[in-house]
């Protein structure tokens, strides 16, 4: 941590060696685990329950997001230690900016998938009684697919804005021998793209705030309803041990994932705002680490709470023994 010469703020950053020491083991382990999850989904182990198509889409999206985040972590390490010192400074800035945006939007998609999984489990276990829940369960498929499509649209818009801004930056930095009129056009183009990127940044921050609120409310409501439902079944004497275990596992999974989502969202929000207006985490390594830790925690949570993956791990251990 270095104090700025003007005395106005602190410059907080993460060293490249510390970043590699944390992220290389996480990324390598996370990629292997997610590849194993994909294998289990394509070739379900004997004795495991078959996934419903909607749950398979959500799990597949979550596994894909986690894999992409860990691959980006490996690319960042390669970029920092191999190609950063052999390319121009402005090109290094463009590349790092694109990678961080890929990780950001992928993480946002991952959070959305986790929230939809909570609602899916809720609709599968708790019999709907309120008209809204009856309507929600009836249209759960359309709602989930609409939410995922909205995420794709947001992802494409955000990445398009960032790529366009990067292209304009490249043209501006290479415009040494152009006329003054052309240079003025490039300056105006940079300013316009900067405004678009600022709107994209503010939209992303607002979406993060909305995501945190929705996640907290939906997770709390889902856990509360599931807990009450389990207690009502116990009092009525119709609850089976298997159903109780299933509900407890889902409650534990929701609580763990909600904690991960909350910590990651708050960390990313703070880092995004501080890095935008101060010198905190100017190279983005702290932000990368926060997202990587979140993704690894989500991967471990899936491996523990999803019966398909647990059964696959048991079968592998049995074969090894």
Foldseek 3Di string as FASTA:
>chain_A
DAQDPVNPDGFAADDLVVLCVQLVVLLVVLLVLLVLVVVCLVPFDPPADHDDPVVSVLVVLLSVLLNLLSVLSVVVNCCVPPVVVVDDPLVSVLVLVLSLLSNLLSLVLNLLSLLLVLLVVLLVQDPDDDPVSVVCSVCSSVVSVVVNVVSVVLSVLLSVLSVQLSVLSVCQVPPPPDDPVVNVVSVVSNVVSVVVNVVNLVVSLVVLVVSLVSLVVSLVVSLVSLVVVVVVCVVVVNDDPVSVVLSVLSNVLSVQLNVLSNVLSVVLSVQSVCCVPHNYHVSCSVNSSSSSVSSSSNSVSCCVRRRSNVVSVVVVVVVVD
